[in-house]
Amino acid sequence: MPDLGIISPAMLKLFNDCGGKFYYRYVEQIISPTLDKAFVVGKNIHAMASYYLNGENISKFEKCLTEKEKEFWQYLKQCKYFDYDVVGVEKSLSACFGDFWLGGRLDAIVKQGDNIFILDYKTGGVSDDMIYDYQTMVYLLLCDRYFKKYETLSFVYLDLKNKKDVVIKFDDSLRDEYKSILFDICQKMRDFDIKKFRRFDDCKCEYSKICI
């Protein structure tokens, strides 16, 4: 496997789902278009949040939202975290852990005193158990490394579909556990050999026609 550079949560998730799909997407760089209405809604909400937290006037943009987007946006804009101090918006972070570089782009980071909160907006909903989601693990480790000193560090999934917050609070035991989990999958990713991979007979994914 060639050098993958900075490994993102999306890469980790795809590899965990299917090594073949990961290989064709990130090694062979064969990208399948997946644009849909849900993607557009999520993109618009993320843009609104970014403008808002950066202190820009969004009144004109609000008038262009669909009814569903307005519903999502009103819930998000009124969340308590948007009243906290803004540390970064659409912030890119990366760090080296052992033999591997991990990185990602965080929707927003806010703080209340010495309490740090990573915000992630989800228009499609999330489960109540996100503690071992790759995005959770990578972003918490990155912010733990970036901030170094803080009172608390938490990842907050803002579930706009179900109007709820899912909060994961970071601690020393999670730090060690996350590093172990991520190092293990990164090693498997590095050692992956497409020549030894065999897809499921009933696979009908976007790469099924070219997959071995």
N, C-alpha and C. Protein backbone atom coordinates (compact mmCIF):
# COMPACT_ATOMS: atom_id res chain seq x y z
N MET A 1 0.85 -1.20 0.00
CA MET A 1 0.00 0.00 0.00
C MET A 1 0.89 1.25 0.00
N PRO A 2 0.67 2.17 -0.93
CA PRO A 2 1.47 3.42 -0.94
C PRO A 2 1.18 4.29 0.27
N ASP A 3 2.02 5.30 0.46
CA ASP A 3 1.82 6.23 1.57
C ASP A 3 0.47 6.93 1.40
N LEU A 4 -0.36 6.89 2.44
CA LEU A 4 -1.70 7.45 2.36
C LEU A 4 -1.77 8.89 2.87
N GLY A 5 -0.64 9.41 3.33
CA GLY A 5 -0.63 10.78 3.83
C GLY A 5 -1.41 10.89 5.12
N ILE A 6 -2.22 11.93 5.23
CA ILE A 6 -3.03 12.14 6.43
C ILE A 6 -4.30 11.30 6.34
N ILE A 7 -4.51 10.44 7.31
CA ILE A 7 -5.65 9.52 7.32
C ILE A 7 -6.83 10.20 8.04
N SER A 8 -7.95 10.27 7.36
CA SER A 8 -9.14 10.94 7.89
C SER A 8 -10.13 9.92 8.45
N PRO A 9 -11.10 10.38 9.24
CA PRO A 9 -12.15 9.48 9.72
C PRO A 9 -12.92 8.81 8.58
N ALA A 10 -13.14 9.53 7.48
CA ALA A 10 -13.86 8.96 6.34
C ALA A 10 -13.08 7.79 5.74
N MET A 11 -11.77 7.91 5.68
CA MET A 11 -10.92 6.83 5.17
C MET A 11 -10.99 5.62 6.08
N LEU A 12 -10.92 5.85 7.38
CA LEU A 12 -10.98 4.76 8.35
C LEU A 12 -12.32 4.03 8.27
N LYS A 13 -13.39 4.79 8.16
CA LYS A 13 -14.71 4.18 8.10
C LYS A 13 -14.88 3.34 6.84
N LEU A 14 -14.43 3.87 5.71
CA LEU A 14 -14.58 3.13 4.46
C LEU A 14 -13.74 1.86 4.48
N PHE A 15 -12.53 1.93 5.02
CA PHE A 15 -11.69 0.73 5.10
C PHE A 15 -12.33 -0.31 6.01
N ASN A 16 -12.90 0.14 7.12
CA ASN A 16 -13.58 -0.78 8.04
C ASN A 16 -14.78 -1.44 7.36
N ASP A 17 -15.47 -0.70 6.50
CA ASP A 17 -16.62 -1.25 5.78
C ASP A 17 -16.19 -2.23 4.70
N CYS A 18 -15.17 -1.84 3.94
CA CYS A 18 -14.72 -2.70 2.83
C CYS A 18 -13.34 -2.26 2.36
N GLY A 19 -12.37 -3.16 2.46
CA GLY A 19 -11.01 -2.84 2.03
C GLY A 19 -10.94 -2.56 0.54
N GLY A 20 -11.75 -3.24 -0.24
CA GLY A 20 -11.75 -3.03 -1.68
C GLY A 20 -12.23 -1.64 -2.05
N LYS A 21 -13.32 -1.21 -1.46
CA LYS A 21 -13.84 0.13 -1.74
C LYS A 21 -12.83 1.19 -1.33
N PHE A 22 -12.19 0.96 -0.19
CA PHE A 22 -11.16 1.89 0.26
C PHE A 22 -10.03 1.96 -0.77
N TYR A 23 -9.58 0.84 -1.27
CA TYR A 23 -8.47 0.80 -2.22
C TYR A 23 -8.81 1.58 -3.49
N TYR A 24 -9.97 1.32 -4.05
CA TYR A 24 -10.33 1.98 -5.31
C TYR A 24 -10.58 3.47 -5.11
N ARG A 25 -11.12 3.83 -3.96
CA ARG A 25 -11.41 5.25 -3.71
C ARG A 25 -10.16 6.05 -3.37
N TYR A 26 -9.31 5.55 -2.48
CA TYR A 26 -8.22 6.35 -1.97
C TYR A 26 -6.84 6.00 -2.54
N VAL A 27 -6.68 4.81 -3.08
CA VAL A 27 -5.39 4.44 -3.68
C VAL A 27 -5.44 4.65 -5.19
N GLU A 28 -6.45 4.07 -5.84
CA GLU A 28 -6.59 4.25 -7.28
C GLU A 28 -7.23 5.58 -7.65
N GLN A 29 -7.81 6.27 -6.64
CA GLN A 29 -8.42 7.58 -6.84
C GLN A 29 -9.57 7.54 -7.84
N ILE A 30 -10.36 6.46 -7.78
CA ILE A 30 -11.55 6.34 -8.62
C ILE A 30 -12.73 6.82 -7.78
N ILE A 31 -13.24 7.99 -8.10
CA ILE A 31 -14.27 8.62 -7.29
C ILE A 31 -15.63 8.48 -7.98
N SER A 32 -16.58 7.93 -7.26
CA SER A 32 -17.92 7.76 -7.79
C SER A 32 -18.80 8.90 -7.31
N PRO A 33 -19.49 9.62 -8.22
CA PRO A 33 -20.35 10.74 -7.80
C PRO A 33 -21.52 10.26 -6.95
N THR A 34 -21.76 10.94 -5.82
CA THR A 34 -22.83 10.52 -4.91
C THR A 34 -23.70 11.71 -4.49
N LEU A 35 -23.73 12.76 -5.30
CA LEU A 35 -24.48 13.95 -4.95
C LEU A 35 -25.98 13.64 -4.86
N ASP A 36 -26.60 13.98 -3.73
CA ASP A 36 -28.04 13.80 -3.57
C ASP A 36 -28.60 14.94 -2.75
N LYS A 37 -29.91 14.95 -2.55
CA LYS A 37 -30.56 16.04 -1.84
C LYS A 37 -30.08 16.15 -0.40
N ALA A 38 -29.87 15.00 0.25
CA ALA A 38 -29.41 15.02 1.64
C ALA A 38 -28.04 15.67 1.75
N PHE A 39 -27.18 15.41 0.76
CA PHE A 39 -25.85 16.01 0.75
C PHE A 39 -25.96 17.53 0.62
N VAL A 40 -26.83 18.00 -0.26
CA VAL A 40 -27.00 19.43 -0.48
C VAL A 40 -27.52 20.10 0.79
N VAL A 41 -28.49 19.49 1.46
CA VAL A 41 -29.04 20.06 2.70
C VAL A 41 -27.94 20.19 3.74
N GLY A 42 -27.17 19.12 3.93
CA GLY A 42 -26.08 19.15 4.90
C GLY A 42 -25.06 20.21 4.58
N LYS A 43 -24.73 20.34 3.31
CA LYS A 43 -23.75 21.35 2.89
C LYS A 43 -24.24 22.75 3.18
N ASN A 44 -25.55 23.01 2.92
CA ASN A 44 -26.12 24.34 3.16
C ASN A 44 -26.13 24.68 4.65
N ILE A 45 -26.48 23.70 5.49
CA ILE A 45 -26.51 23.94 6.93
C ILE A 45 -25.11 24.21 7.47
N HIS A 46 -24.13 23.47 6.99
CA HIS A 46 -22.75 23.69 7.41
C HIS A 46 -22.28 25.09 7.01
N ALA A 47 -22.66 25.52 5.82
CA ALA A 47 -22.28 26.86 5.37
C ALA A 47 -22.91 27.94 6.25
N MET A 48 -24.20 27.76 6.57
CA MET A 48 -24.89 28.73 7.42
C MET A 48 -24.21 28.83 8.79
N ALA A 49 -23.90 27.69 9.37
CA ALA A 49 -23.26 27.67 10.68
C ALA A 49 -21.90 28.35 10.64
N SER A 50 -21.16 28.10 9.57
CA SER A 50 -19.83 28.70 9.43
C SER A 50 -19.92 30.22 9.36
N TYR A 51 -20.82 30.73 8.51
CA TYR A 51 -21.00 32.17 8.40
C TYR A 51 -21.44 32.78 9.74
N TYR A 52 -22.38 32.12 10.39
CA TYR A 52 -22.95 32.63 11.64
C TYR A 52 -21.90 32.72 12.74
N LEU A 53 -21.13 31.65 12.91
CA LEU A 53 -20.13 31.63 13.98
C LEU A 53 -18.96 32.57 13.69
N ASN A 54 -18.77 32.89 12.42
CA ASN A 54 -17.73 33.86 12.06
C ASN A 54 -18.23 35.29 12.15
N GLY A 55 -19.49 35.47 12.60
CA GLY A 55 -20.02 36.81 12.83
C GLY A 55 -20.52 37.52 11.59
N GLU A 56 -20.78 36.79 10.52
CA GLU A 56 -21.24 37.41 9.28
C GLU A 56 -22.76 37.56 9.28
N ASN A 57 -23.25 38.50 8.51
CA ASN A 57 -24.69 38.74 8.38
C ASN A 57 -25.27 37.67 7.45
N ILE A 58 -26.17 36.84 7.98
CA ILE A 58 -26.69 35.72 7.20
C ILE A 58 -28.17 35.91 6.85
N SER A 59 -28.72 37.08 7.08
CA SER A 59 -30.15 37.29 6.87
C SER A 59 -30.58 36.97 5.44
N LYS A 60 -29.78 37.35 4.45
CA LYS A 60 -30.11 37.08 3.06
C LYS A 60 -30.05 35.58 2.76
N PHE A 61 -29.08 34.91 3.36
CA PHE A 61 -28.95 33.47 3.13
C PHE A 61 -30.12 32.70 3.74
N GLU A 62 -30.59 33.16 4.89
CA GLU A 62 -31.70 32.49 5.57
C GLU A 62 -32.95 32.47 4.71
N LYS A 63 -33.15 33.52 3.92
CA LYS A 63 -34.32 33.61 3.07
C LYS A 63 -34.29 32.59 1.92
N CYS A 64 -33.12 32.07 1.61
CA CYS A 64 -32.97 31.13 0.50
C CYS A 64 -33.12 29.67 0.92
N LEU A 65 -33.23 29.42 2.23
CA LEU A 65 -33.32 28.05 2.71
C LEU A 65 -34.68 27.43 2.40
N THR A 66 -34.69 26.12 2.19
CA THR A 66 -35.95 25.39 2.04
C THR A 66 -36.60 25.27 3.42
N GLU A 67 -37.84 24.81 3.46
CA GLU A 67 -38.53 24.66 4.74
C GLU A 67 -37.80 23.69 5.66
N LYS A 68 -37.32 22.59 5.12
CA LYS A 68 -36.58 21.61 5.92
C LYS A 68 -35.28 22.21 6.43
N GLU A 69 -34.59 22.93 5.56
CA GLU A 69 -33.34 23.58 5.97
C GLU A 69 -33.60 24.62 7.04
N LYS A 70 -34.68 25.37 6.93
CA LYS A 70 -35.02 26.37 7.95
C LYS A 70 -35.27 25.70 9.29
N GLU A 71 -35.94 24.56 9.27
CA GLU A 71 -36.21 23.83 10.50
C GLU A 71 -34.91 23.39 11.16
N PHE A 72 -34.01 22.84 10.36
CA PHE A 72 -32.71 22.42 10.88
C PHE A 72 -31.93 23.61 11.42
N TRP A 73 -31.93 24.70 10.66
CA TRP A 73 -31.13 25.86 11.01
C TRP A 73 -31.62 26.53 12.29
N GLN A 74 -32.93 26.66 12.44
CA GLN A 74 -33.47 27.28 13.63
C GLN A 74 -33.11 26.48 14.89
N TYR A 75 -33.15 25.17 14.78
CA TYR A 75 -32.77 24.34 15.93
C TYR A 75 -31.28 24.52 16.24
N LEU A 76 -30.47 24.51 15.22
CA LEU A 76 -29.03 24.62 15.42
C LEU A 76 -28.65 25.99 15.96
N LYS A 77 -29.22 27.03 15.42
CA LYS A 77 -28.86 28.40 15.82
C LYS A 77 -29.19 28.67 17.28
N GLN A 78 -30.20 27.98 17.79
CA GLN A 78 -30.63 28.21 19.17
C GLN A 78 -29.94 27.30 20.19
N CYS A 79 -29.04 26.43 19.73
CA CYS A 79 -28.38 25.53 20.68
C CYS A 79 -27.46 26.33 21.60
N LYS A 80 -27.27 25.86 22.81
CA LYS A 80 -26.49 26.60 23.81
C LYS A 80 -25.04 26.76 23.41
N TYR A 81 -24.51 25.84 22.62
CA TYR A 81 -23.10 25.87 22.26
C TYR A 81 -22.76 27.05 21.37
N PHE A 82 -23.74 27.56 20.64
CA PHE A 82 -23.49 28.71 19.78
C PHE A 82 -23.36 30.01 20.58
N ASP A 83 -23.64 29.93 21.88
CA ASP A 83 -23.44 31.09 22.75
C ASP A 83 -22.06 31.09 23.41
N TYR A 84 -21.31 30.01 23.23
CA TYR A 84 -19.98 29.90 23.83
C TYR A 84 -18.96 30.66 22.97
N ASP A 85 -17.76 30.81 23.50
CA ASP A 85 -16.69 31.48 22.76
C ASP A 85 -16.22 30.59 21.61
N VAL A 86 -16.10 31.17 20.43
CA VAL A 86 -15.68 30.42 19.24
C VAL A 86 -14.16 30.34 19.20
N VAL A 87 -13.66 29.11 19.10
CA VAL A 87 -12.22 28.88 18.99
C VAL A 87 -11.82 28.70 17.53
N GLY A 88 -12.62 27.99 16.78
CA GLY A 88 -12.32 27.76 15.37
C GLY A 88 -13.55 27.26 14.64
N VAL A 89 -13.64 27.61 13.36
CA VAL A 89 -14.74 27.18 12.49
C VAL A 89 -14.15 26.53 11.25
N GLU A 90 -14.68 25.35 10.89
CA GLU A 90 -14.14 24.59 9.75
C GLU A 90 -12.61 24.48 9.90
N LYS A 91 -12.21 24.07 11.07
CA LYS A 91 -10.79 24.07 11.43
C LYS A 91 -10.13 22.74 11.07
N SER A 92 -9.05 22.79 10.32
CA SER A 92 -8.30 21.59 9.95
C SER A 92 -7.20 21.33 10.98
N LEU A 93 -7.15 20.10 11.48
CA LEU A 93 -6.12 19.69 12.44
C LEU A 93 -5.50 18.38 11.98
N SER A 94 -4.25 18.19 12.28
CA SER A 94 -3.59 16.91 12.00
C SER A 94 -2.47 16.72 13.01
N ALA A 95 -2.14 15.46 13.26
CA ALA A 95 -1.06 15.16 14.21
C ALA A 95 -0.57 13.75 13.94
N CYS A 96 0.66 13.50 14.33
CA CYS A 96 1.27 12.19 14.14
C CYS A 96 1.08 11.35 15.41
N PHE A 97 0.57 10.15 15.23
CA PHE A 97 0.41 9.20 16.32
C PHE A 97 1.15 7.92 15.94
N GLY A 98 2.30 7.72 16.57
CA GLY A 98 3.11 6.56 16.21
C GLY A 98 3.62 6.68 14.79
N ASP A 99 3.28 5.72 13.95
CA ASP A 99 3.74 5.71 12.56
C ASP A 99 2.77 6.40 11.60
N PHE A 100 1.68 6.94 12.10
CA PHE A 100 0.62 7.41 11.22
C PHE A 100 0.20 8.85 11.52
N TRP A 101 -0.15 9.55 10.45
CA TRP A 101 -0.72 10.89 10.58
C TRP A 101 -2.23 10.79 10.48
N LEU A 102 -2.92 11.40 11.45
CA LEU A 102 -4.38 11.46 11.45
C LEU A 102 -4.80 12.92 11.33
N GLY A 103 -5.89 13.15 10.64
CA GLY A 103 -6.34 14.53 10.50
C GLY A 103 -7.79 14.63 10.09
N GLY A 104 -8.31 15.84 10.12
CA GLY A 104 -9.69 16.06 9.72
C GLY A 104 -10.04 17.53 9.79
N ARG A 105 -11.24 17.82 9.30
CA ARG A 105 -11.74 19.19 9.32
C ARG A 105 -12.95 19.25 10.24
N LEU A 106 -12.82 19.99 11.32
CA LEU A 106 -13.84 20.03 12.37
C LEU A 106 -14.84 21.14 12.07
N ASP A 107 -16.14 20.84 12.22
CA ASP A 107 -17.17 21.84 11.94
C ASP A 107 -16.94 23.09 12.77
N ALA A 108 -16.75 22.91 14.08
CA ALA A 108 -16.51 24.07 14.95
C ALA A 108 -15.94 23.60 16.28
N ILE A 109 -15.18 24.48 16.90
CA ILE A 109 -14.68 24.26 18.27
C ILE A 109 -15.06 25.49 19.07
N VAL A 110 -15.73 25.28 20.20
CA VAL A 110 -16.12 26.39 21.07
C VAL A 110 -15.67 26.07 22.49
N LYS A 111 -15.67 27.09 23.34
CA LYS A 111 -15.27 26.84 24.72
C LYS A 111 -16.10 27.68 25.67
N GLN A 112 -16.26 27.16 26.86
CA GLN A 112 -16.89 27.88 27.97
C GLN A 112 -15.91 27.79 29.13
N GLY A 113 -15.21 28.88 29.36
CA GLY A 113 -14.11 28.82 30.33
C GLY A 113 -13.02 27.92 29.80
N ASP A 114 -12.63 26.94 30.60
CA ASP A 114 -11.60 25.98 30.18
C ASP A 114 -12.21 24.67 29.68
N ASN A 115 -13.50 24.69 29.39
CA ASN A 115 -14.19 23.50 28.87
C ASN A 115 -14.31 23.63 27.35
N ILE A 116 -13.73 22.67 26.64
CA ILE A 116 -13.67 22.69 25.18
C ILE A 116 -14.73 21.75 24.60
N PHE A 117 -15.41 22.20 23.54
CA PHE A 117 -16.44 21.40 22.89
C PHE A 117 -16.20 21.36 21.38
N ILE A 118 -16.10 20.16 20.85
CA ILE A 118 -16.02 19.96 19.41
C ILE A 118 -17.44 19.77 18.91
N LEU A 119 -17.87 20.58 17.96
CA LEU A 119 -19.23 20.50 17.44
C LEU A 119 -19.25 19.84 16.07
N ASP A 120 -20.23 18.97 15.87
CA ASP A 120 -20.40 18.33 14.57
C ASP A 120 -21.89 18.29 14.25
N TYR A 121 -22.27 18.86 13.11
CA TYR A 121 -23.69 18.95 12.76
C TYR A 121 -24.09 17.76 11.89
N LYS A 122 -25.19 17.11 12.26
CA LYS A 122 -25.67 15.95 11.51
C LYS A 122 -27.13 16.15 11.10
N THR A 123 -27.38 16.30 9.81
CA THR A 123 -28.75 16.44 9.33
C THR A 123 -29.42 15.09 9.12
N GLY A 124 -28.63 14.02 9.08
CA GLY A 124 -29.18 12.69 8.85
C GLY A 124 -29.41 11.90 10.12
N GLY A 125 -29.07 12.47 11.26
CA GLY A 125 -29.26 11.78 12.54
C GLY A 125 -28.05 10.95 12.92
N VAL A 126 -27.92 10.67 14.21
CA VAL A 126 -26.85 9.81 14.73
C VAL A 126 -27.43 8.90 15.81
N SER A 127 -26.71 7.84 16.11
CA SER A 127 -27.14 6.94 17.18
C SER A 127 -26.75 7.55 18.53
N ASP A 128 -27.27 6.99 19.59
CA ASP A 128 -26.93 7.48 20.93
C ASP A 128 -25.56 7.01 21.38
N ASP A 129 -25.01 6.02 20.69
CA ASP A 129 -23.71 5.46 21.07
C ASP A 129 -22.68 5.76 19.98
N MET A 130 -22.03 6.90 20.11
CA MET A 130 -21.04 7.33 19.12
C MET A 130 -19.63 7.34 19.69
N ILE A 131 -19.45 6.71 20.84
CA ILE A 131 -18.17 6.82 21.54
C ILE A 131 -17.01 6.22 20.76
N TYR A 132 -17.28 5.20 19.94
CA TYR A 132 -16.20 4.58 19.16
C TYR A 132 -16.31 4.86 17.67
N ASP A 133 -17.08 5.86 17.31
CA ASP A 133 -17.10 6.29 15.92
C ASP A 133 -15.73 6.85 15.56
N TYR A 134 -15.27 6.60 14.35
CA TYR A 134 -13.93 7.05 13.97
C TYR A 134 -13.79 8.56 14.04
N GLN A 135 -14.85 9.26 13.70
CA GLN A 135 -14.80 10.72 13.78
C GLN A 135 -14.62 11.16 15.23
N THR A 136 -15.35 10.54 16.13
CA THR A 136 -15.21 10.85 17.56
C THR A 136 -13.78 10.64 18.02
N MET A 137 -13.24 9.47 17.74
CA MET A 137 -11.91 9.10 18.23
C MET A 137 -10.84 10.02 17.67
N VAL A 138 -10.86 10.22 16.36
CA VAL A 138 -9.82 11.03 15.72
C VAL A 138 -9.89 12.48 16.19
N TYR A 139 -11.08 13.07 16.20
CA TYR A 139 -11.20 14.49 16.55
C TYR A 139 -10.87 14.76 18.02
N LEU A 140 -11.25 13.85 18.90
CA LEU A 140 -10.92 14.05 20.31
C LEU A 140 -9.41 13.94 20.53
N LEU A 141 -8.76 12.98 19.88
CA LEU A 141 -7.31 12.86 20.02
C LEU A 141 -6.60 14.09 19.44
N LEU A 142 -7.09 14.59 18.32
CA LEU A 142 -6.47 15.76 17.72
C LEU A 142 -6.59 16.99 18.63
N CYS A 143 -7.77 17.19 19.20
CA CYS A 143 -7.97 18.35 20.07
C CYS A 143 -7.24 18.19 21.39
N ASP A 144 -7.16 16.98 21.89
CA ASP A 144 -6.38 16.71 23.09
C ASP A 144 -4.92 17.10 22.86
N ARG A 145 -4.39 16.77 21.71
CA ARG A 145 -3.01 17.12 21.37
C ARG A 145 -2.87 18.63 21.12
N TYR A 146 -3.86 19.22 20.48
CA TYR A 146 -3.79 20.63 20.09
C TYR A 146 -3.88 21.56 21.30
N PHE A 147 -4.84 21.30 22.20
CA PHE A 147 -5.06 22.21 23.32
C PHE A 147 -4.16 21.94 24.52
N LYS A 148 -3.80 20.69 24.71
CA LYS A 148 -2.89 20.28 25.78
C LYS A 148 -3.48 20.51 27.18
N LYS A 149 -3.84 21.76 27.50
CA LYS A 149 -4.38 22.06 28.83
C LYS A 149 -5.84 22.51 28.72
N TYR A 150 -6.69 21.84 29.46
CA TYR A 150 -8.11 22.20 29.48
C TYR A 150 -8.74 21.54 30.70
N GLU A 151 -9.93 22.01 31.07
CA GLU A 151 -10.65 21.40 32.19
C GLU A 151 -11.37 20.14 31.72
N THR A 152 -12.18 20.29 30.67
CA THR A 152 -12.85 19.14 30.06
C THR A 152 -12.80 19.29 28.55
N LEU A 153 -12.87 18.15 27.86
CA LEU A 153 -12.90 18.11 26.40
C LEU A 153 -14.03 17.17 26.00
N SER A 154 -14.96 17.67 25.19
CA SER A 154 -16.12 16.87 24.81
C SER A 154 -16.39 16.98 23.31
N PHE A 155 -16.88 15.89 22.75
CA PHE A 155 -17.36 15.88 21.36
C PHE A 155 -18.88 15.95 21.41
N VAL A 156 -19.46 16.90 20.67
CA VAL A 156 -20.92 17.07 20.68
C VAL A 156 -21.47 16.88 19.27
N TYR A 157 -22.22 15.81 19.08
CA TYR A 157 -22.96 15.62 17.84
C TYR A 157 -24.29 16.35 17.97
N LEU A 158 -24.53 17.31 17.11
CA LEU A 158 -25.80 18.03 17.10
C LEU A 158 -26.70 17.38 16.06
N ASP A 159 -27.58 16.51 16.54
CA ASP A 159 -28.47 15.73 15.67
C ASP A 159 -29.68 16.59 15.32
N LEU A 160 -29.66 17.19 14.14
CA LEU A 160 -30.71 18.12 13.74
C LEU A 160 -31.99 17.40 13.32
N LYS A 161 -31.85 16.19 12.85
CA LYS A 161 -33.01 15.41 12.43
C LYS A 161 -33.88 15.03 13.61
N ASN A 162 -33.26 14.57 14.68
CA ASN A 162 -33.99 14.11 15.86
C ASN A 162 -34.01 15.12 17.00
N LYS A 163 -33.42 16.29 16.75
CA LYS A 163 -33.39 17.40 17.72
C LYS A 163 -32.84 16.93 19.07
N LYS A 164 -31.63 16.45 19.06
CA LYS A 164 -30.98 16.02 20.28
C LYS A 164 -29.47 16.21 20.16
N ASP A 165 -28.81 16.22 21.30
CA ASP A 165 -27.35 16.29 21.35
C ASP A 165 -26.81 14.97 21.88
N VAL A 166 -25.77 14.47 21.25
CA VAL A 166 -25.07 13.28 21.74
C VAL A 166 -23.66 13.73 22.15
N VAL A 167 -23.35 13.62 23.43
CA VAL A 167 -22.11 14.16 23.97
C VAL A 167 -21.19 13.05 24.45
N ILE A 168 -19.94 13.08 24.02
CA ILE A 168 -18.92 12.13 24.49
C ILE A 168 -17.84 12.93 25.21
N LYS A 169 -17.64 12.65 26.47
CA LYS A 169 -16.65 13.36 27.27
C LYS A 169 -15.33 12.57 27.30
N PHE A 170 -14.28 13.23 26.95
CA PHE A 170 -12.96 12.61 26.83
C PHE A 170 -12.30 12.43 28.20
N ASP A 171 -11.52 11.35 28.35
CA ASP A 171 -10.74 11.16 29.57
C ASP A 171 -9.49 10.35 29.25
N ASP A 172 -8.65 10.10 30.26
CA ASP A 172 -7.37 9.43 30.05
C ASP A 172 -7.54 8.01 29.52
N SER A 173 -8.55 7.29 30.02
CA SER A 173 -8.75 5.92 29.58
C SER A 173 -9.16 5.87 28.11
N LEU A 174 -9.99 6.81 27.68
CA LEU A 174 -10.38 6.86 26.28
C LEU A 174 -9.19 7.21 25.39
N ARG A 175 -8.32 8.08 25.87
CA ARG A 175 -7.13 8.44 25.09
C ARG A 175 -6.33 7.18 24.74
N ASP A 176 -6.05 6.36 25.73
CA ASP A 176 -5.26 5.15 25.50
C ASP A 176 -6.01 4.16 24.62
N GLU A 177 -7.31 4.03 24.85
CA GLU A 177 -8.11 3.08 24.08
C GLU A 177 -8.22 3.53 22.62
N TYR A 178 -8.45 4.80 22.42
CA TYR A 178 -8.57 5.31 21.05
C TYR A 178 -7.27 5.12 20.28
N LYS A 179 -6.15 5.42 20.91
CA LYS A 179 -4.86 5.25 20.23
C LYS A 179 -4.64 3.81 19.82
N SER A 180 -5.00 2.87 20.68
CA SER A 180 -4.83 1.45 20.38
C SER A 180 -5.72 1.02 19.21
N ILE A 181 -6.97 1.44 19.23
CA ILE A 181 -7.92 1.09 18.17
C ILE A 181 -7.47 1.66 16.83
N LEU A 182 -7.08 2.91 16.83
CA LEU A 182 -6.71 3.57 15.58
C LEU A 182 -5.39 3.04 15.04
N PHE A 183 -4.44 2.76 15.92
CA PHE A 183 -3.16 2.21 15.47
C PHE A 183 -3.38 0.85 14.81
N ASP A 184 -4.27 0.05 15.38
CA ASP A 184 -4.54 -1.28 14.84
C ASP A 184 -5.14 -1.20 13.43
N ILE A 185 -6.13 -0.34 13.23
CA ILE A 185 -6.75 -0.27 11.91
C ILE A 185 -5.83 0.41 10.90
N CYS A 186 -5.01 1.35 11.35
CA CYS A 186 -4.06 1.97 10.43
C CYS A 186 -3.01 0.97 9.96
N GLN A 187 -2.59 0.09 10.83
CA GLN A 187 -1.66 -0.96 10.43
C GLN A 187 -2.29 -1.88 9.39
N LYS A 188 -3.54 -2.27 9.62
CA LYS A 188 -4.25 -3.12 8.66
C LYS A 188 -4.41 -2.41 7.32
N MET A 189 -4.65 -1.12 7.38
CA MET A 189 -4.78 -0.32 6.17
C MET A 189 -3.46 -0.31 5.40
N ARG A 190 -2.38 -0.12 6.11
CA ARG A 190 -1.06 -0.06 5.48
C ARG A 190 -0.67 -1.40 4.86
N ASP A 191 -1.06 -2.51 5.52
CA ASP A 191 -0.69 -3.83 5.05
C ASP A 191 -1.68 -4.43 4.06
N PHE A 192 -2.74 -3.70 3.73
CA PHE A 192 -3.78 -4.24 2.84
C PHE A 192 -3.22 -4.54 1.46
N ASP A 193 -3.57 -5.71 0.94
CA ASP A 193 -3.12 -6.14 -0.39
C ASP A 193 -4.35 -6.45 -1.24
N ILE A 194 -4.59 -5.62 -2.26
CA ILE A 194 -5.78 -5.80 -3.09
C ILE A 194 -5.75 -7.14 -3.82
N LYS A 195 -4.56 -7.69 -4.06
CA LYS A 195 -4.45 -8.97 -4.77
C LYS A 195 -5.00 -10.13 -3.93
N LYS A 196 -5.05 -9.94 -2.62
CA LYS A 196 -5.57 -10.98 -1.74
C LYS A 196 -7.03 -10.74 -1.35
N PHE A 197 -7.59 -9.64 -1.84
CA PHE A 197 -8.95 -9.27 -1.48
C PHE A 197 -9.96 -9.95 -2.40
N ARG A 198 -11.04 -10.43 -1.83
CA ARG A 198 -12.12 -11.00 -2.61
C ARG A 198 -13.44 -10.39 -2.14
N ARG A 199 -14.17 -9.81 -3.07
CA ARG A 199 -15.42 -9.16 -2.70
C ARG A 199 -16.51 -10.20 -2.46
N PHE A 200 -17.55 -9.78 -1.77
CA PHE A 200 -18.71 -10.65 -1.56
C PHE A 200 -19.40 -10.89 -2.89
N ASP A 201 -19.90 -12.11 -3.09
CA ASP A 201 -20.54 -12.47 -4.35
C ASP A 201 -21.75 -11.60 -4.67
N ASP A 202 -22.45 -11.16 -3.64
CA ASP A 202 -23.66 -10.37 -3.86
C ASP A 202 -23.40 -8.86 -3.79
N CYS A 203 -22.14 -8.45 -3.80
CA CYS A 203 -21.80 -7.03 -3.71
C CYS A 203 -22.26 -6.30 -4.97
N LYS A 204 -22.93 -5.17 -4.78
CA LYS A 204 -23.39 -4.37 -5.89
C LYS A 204 -23.01 -2.90 -5.70
N CYS A 205 -21.89 -2.67 -5.02
CA CYS A 205 -21.45 -1.30 -4.78
C CYS A 205 -20.95 -0.67 -6.08
N GLU A 206 -20.60 0.59 -6.02
CA GLU A 206 -20.19 1.33 -7.22
C GLU A 206 -18.91 0.80 -7.84
N TYR A 207 -18.15 -0.01 -7.11
CA TYR A 207 -16.90 -0.56 -7.63
C TYR A 207 -17.00 -2.04 -7.99
N SER A 208 -18.18 -2.62 -7.92
CA SER A 208 -18.33 -4.07 -8.10
C SER A 208 -17.89 -4.55 -9.49
N LYS A 209 -18.04 -3.72 -10.50
CA LYS A 209 -17.68 -4.15 -11.85
C LYS A 209 -16.18 -4.17 -12.12
N ILE A 210 -15.42 -3.46 -11.29
CA ILE A 210 -13.97 -3.45 -11.48
C ILE A 210 -13.25 -4.20 -10.35
N CYS A 211 -13.99 -4.56 -9.33
CA CYS A 211 -13.37 -5.22 -8.18
C CYS A 211 -12.97 -6.65 -8.54
N ILE A 212 -11.89 -7.11 -7.99
CA ILE A 212 -11.39 -8.46 -8.28
C ILE A 212 -12.41 -9.51 -7.82
